[in-house]
Amino acid sequence: MLSREHEDRRTIDALVAALYDTLSGPAGDRDWERFRSLFLPGARLIRVDRGVEGLTPQLLDVEGFVSAAAGNLATRAFYEREVARRTERFGAIAHVFSTYEASRGLDEAPFARGINSIQLFADESGWRVSGLAWDEETPESAIPPEYLVVRA
């Protein structure tokens, strides 16, 4: 039997599913050790911040993301699910454009949609995230139709 960490990193599909699974759930603690195991050392997470000064990147390492997200997820339900995907792969690298919807409950309407741009690297231990950037849809920046079609 494979360990959960090995199973999570066995394929691109498994890794992306694990990424969504670790962040989604009712209010409460998440399995942050599992989340950490999905990333290469030094991986970057980049959130697009749409502030009054325009678009700026919020750059985080994995620990910075965990620190920023843990408190909010401990007190508020958050469910993020993949609704479409485009994957490009060459050798040991891959890029996944994963379109998502976020809601506060499994049966609730989404309050946000966006795209996770996930850069992956594979070695003998399996696939891991080297970088993750995401941006939410806005009225001025709608998700293009080609990123709403399910395609592996």
Protein backbone atom coordinates (compact mmCIF):
# COMPACT_ATOMS: atom_id res chain seq x y z
CA MET A 1 0.00 0.00 0.00
CA LEU A 2 1.29 3.45 -0.96
CA SER A 3 1.59 6.22 1.60
CA ARG A 4 -0.83 9.10 1.21
CA GLU A 5 2.06 11.43 0.35
CA HIS A 6 3.22 9.09 -2.43
CA GLU A 7 -0.35 8.57 -3.66
CA ASP A 8 -0.95 12.36 -3.76
CA ARG A 9 2.13 12.86 -5.92
CA ARG A 10 1.82 9.79 -8.17
CA THR A 11 0.10 11.64 -11.07
CA ILE A 12 -0.77 15.19 -12.06
CA ASP A 13 -4.46 14.39 -11.51
CA ALA A 14 -3.76 13.09 -8.00
CA LEU A 15 -1.66 16.13 -7.11
CA VAL A 16 -4.23 18.65 -8.29
CA ALA A 17 -7.01 16.76 -6.50
CA ALA A 18 -4.94 16.73 -3.29
CA LEU A 19 -4.29 20.46 -3.58
CA TYR A 20 -8.02 21.22 -3.75
CA ASP A 21 -8.79 18.64 -1.05
CA THR A 22 -6.35 20.13 1.46
CA LEU A 23 -7.88 23.59 1.20
CA SER A 24 -11.57 22.65 1.04
CA GLY A 25 -13.81 21.83 3.96
CA PRO A 26 -15.94 23.10 6.80
CA ALA A 27 -14.57 25.66 9.22
CA GLY A 28 -11.70 24.09 11.12
CA ASP A 29 -8.11 23.00 10.86
CA ARG A 30 -6.69 21.72 7.59
CA ASP A 31 -4.05 19.05 7.07
CA TRP A 32 -1.22 21.51 6.59
CA GLU A 33 1.45 18.78 6.64
CA ARG A 34 -0.26 17.15 3.67
CA PHE A 35 -0.48 20.57 1.96
CA ARG A 36 3.23 21.20 2.55
CA SER A 37 4.13 17.78 1.10
CA LEU A 38 2.66 18.81 -2.27
CA PHE A 39 5.27 21.55 -2.82
CA LEU A 40 8.95 21.63 -3.72
CA PRO A 41 11.23 23.41 -1.24
CA GLY A 42 11.29 27.09 -2.19
CA ALA A 43 7.98 26.98 -4.07
CA ARG A 44 6.20 30.30 -4.53
CA LEU A 45 2.51 31.10 -4.26
CA ILE A 46 1.37 34.29 -5.96
CA ARG A 47 -2.02 35.87 -5.44
CA VAL A 48 -3.12 38.71 -7.70
CA ASP A 49 -4.16 41.59 -5.44
CA ARG A 50 -6.56 44.07 -7.02
CA GLY A 51 -6.07 47.04 -4.74
CA VAL A 52 -6.56 50.76 -5.16
CA GLU A 53 -3.03 50.97 -6.56
CA GLY A 54 -3.83 48.52 -9.36
CA LEU A 55 -2.70 44.96 -9.83
CA THR A 56 0.08 43.80 -7.55
CA PRO A 57 1.39 40.33 -6.81
CA GLN A 58 1.20 39.06 -3.25
CA LEU A 59 4.26 36.78 -3.08
CA LEU A 60 4.28 34.00 -0.50
CA ASP A 61 6.27 30.92 0.28
CA VAL A 62 4.40 27.84 1.50
CA GLU A 63 4.75 28.80 5.18
CA GLY A 64 3.58 32.33 4.45
CA PHE A 65 0.50 30.97 2.69
CA VAL A 66 -0.26 28.58 5.57
CA SER A 67 0.06 31.44 8.07
CA ALA A 68 -2.21 33.68 6.01
CA ALA A 69 -4.87 31.03 5.30
CA ALA A 70 -4.99 28.98 8.51
CA GLY A 71 -6.82 31.54 10.66
CA ASN A 72 -9.47 32.29 8.06
CA LEU A 73 -10.09 28.62 7.23
CA ALA A 74 -10.31 27.74 10.93
CA THR A 75 -13.31 30.03 11.34
CA ARG A 76 -15.02 29.91 7.90
CA ALA A 77 -16.06 27.07 5.64
CA PHE A 78 -14.35 27.17 2.26
CA TYR A 79 -14.85 24.82 -0.65
CA GLU A 80 -12.89 25.20 -3.84
CA ARG A 81 -13.59 22.81 -6.71
CA GLU A 82 -12.05 22.44 -10.11
CA VAL A 83 -14.51 22.95 -12.98
CA ALA A 84 -12.13 22.78 -15.97
CA ARG A 85 -8.48 22.12 -16.68
CA ARG A 86 -5.86 22.55 -19.39
CA THR A 87 -2.59 20.68 -18.95
CA GLU A 88 0.64 21.01 -20.91
CA ARG A 89 3.49 18.61 -20.19
CA PHE A 90 7.03 18.07 -21.40
CA GLY A 91 9.35 15.60 -19.68
CA ALA A 92 9.64 16.42 -15.99
CA ILE A 93 7.67 19.68 -16.13
CA ALA A 94 4.00 20.47 -16.52
CA HIS A 95 1.72 23.48 -16.40
CA VAL A 96 -1.91 23.21 -15.33
CA PHE A 97 -4.47 25.97 -15.84
CA SER A 98 -7.16 24.89 -13.36
CA THR A 99 -10.42 26.84 -13.42
CA TYR A 100 -12.12 26.83 -10.01
CA GLU A 101 -15.26 27.86 -8.19
CA ALA A 102 -15.23 28.77 -4.48
CA SER A 103 -18.19 28.53 -2.12
CA ARG A 104 -18.94 28.47 1.61
CA GLY A 105 -20.85 25.19 1.42
CA LEU A 106 -21.03 22.11 -0.77
CA ASP A 107 -24.56 22.98 -1.92
CA GLU A 108 -24.10 26.75 -2.07
CA ALA A 109 -23.64 28.91 -5.14
CA PRO A 110 -20.05 29.99 -5.76
CA PHE A 111 -19.00 33.39 -4.45
CA ALA A 112 -15.91 33.45 -6.69
CA ARG A 113 -14.39 31.88 -9.78
CA GLY A 114 -10.86 32.06 -11.03
CA ILE A 115 -7.89 30.24 -12.44
CA ASN A 116 -5.05 28.53 -10.60
CA SER A 117 -1.89 28.48 -12.71
CA ILE A 118 0.06 25.53 -11.31
CA GLN A 119 3.65 24.79 -12.33
CA LEU A 120 4.73 21.21 -11.59
CA PHE A 121 7.99 19.27 -11.47
CA ALA A 122 8.42 15.49 -11.37
CA ASP A 123 11.33 13.47 -10.04
CA GLU A 124 11.67 9.95 -8.63
CA SER A 125 9.38 10.92 -5.71
CA GLY A 126 6.55 12.04 -8.01
CA TRP A 127 4.99 15.36 -8.97
CA ARG A 128 5.21 18.47 -6.79
CA VAL A 129 4.20 22.09 -7.17
CA SER A 130 7.06 24.48 -7.93
CA GLY A 131 4.80 27.52 -8.29
CA LEU A 132 1.15 28.43 -7.93
CA ALA A 133 -0.39 31.72 -9.07
CA TRP A 134 -4.09 32.53 -9.00
CA ASP A 135 -6.41 35.27 -10.09
CA GLU A 136 -10.14 35.69 -9.48
CA GLU A 137 -12.64 36.56 -12.15
CA THR A 138 -14.01 40.12 -12.09
CA PRO A 139 -16.66 41.88 -14.21
CA GLU A 140 -13.79 43.51 -16.13
CA SER A 141 -11.82 40.26 -16.46
CA ALA A 142 -14.12 37.34 -17.21
CA ILE A 143 -12.74 33.83 -17.59
CA PRO A 144 -12.40 33.16 -21.33
CA PRO A 145 -14.65 30.38 -22.68
CA GLU A 146 -11.68 28.16 -23.59
CA TYR A 147 -10.81 27.91 -19.88
CA LEU A 148 -14.30 26.72 -18.99
CA VAL A 149 -14.13 23.65 -21.23
CA VAL A 150 -12.96 20.43 -19.59
CA ARG A 151 -9.77 19.32 -21.35
CA ALA A 152 -6.97 17.23 -19.89
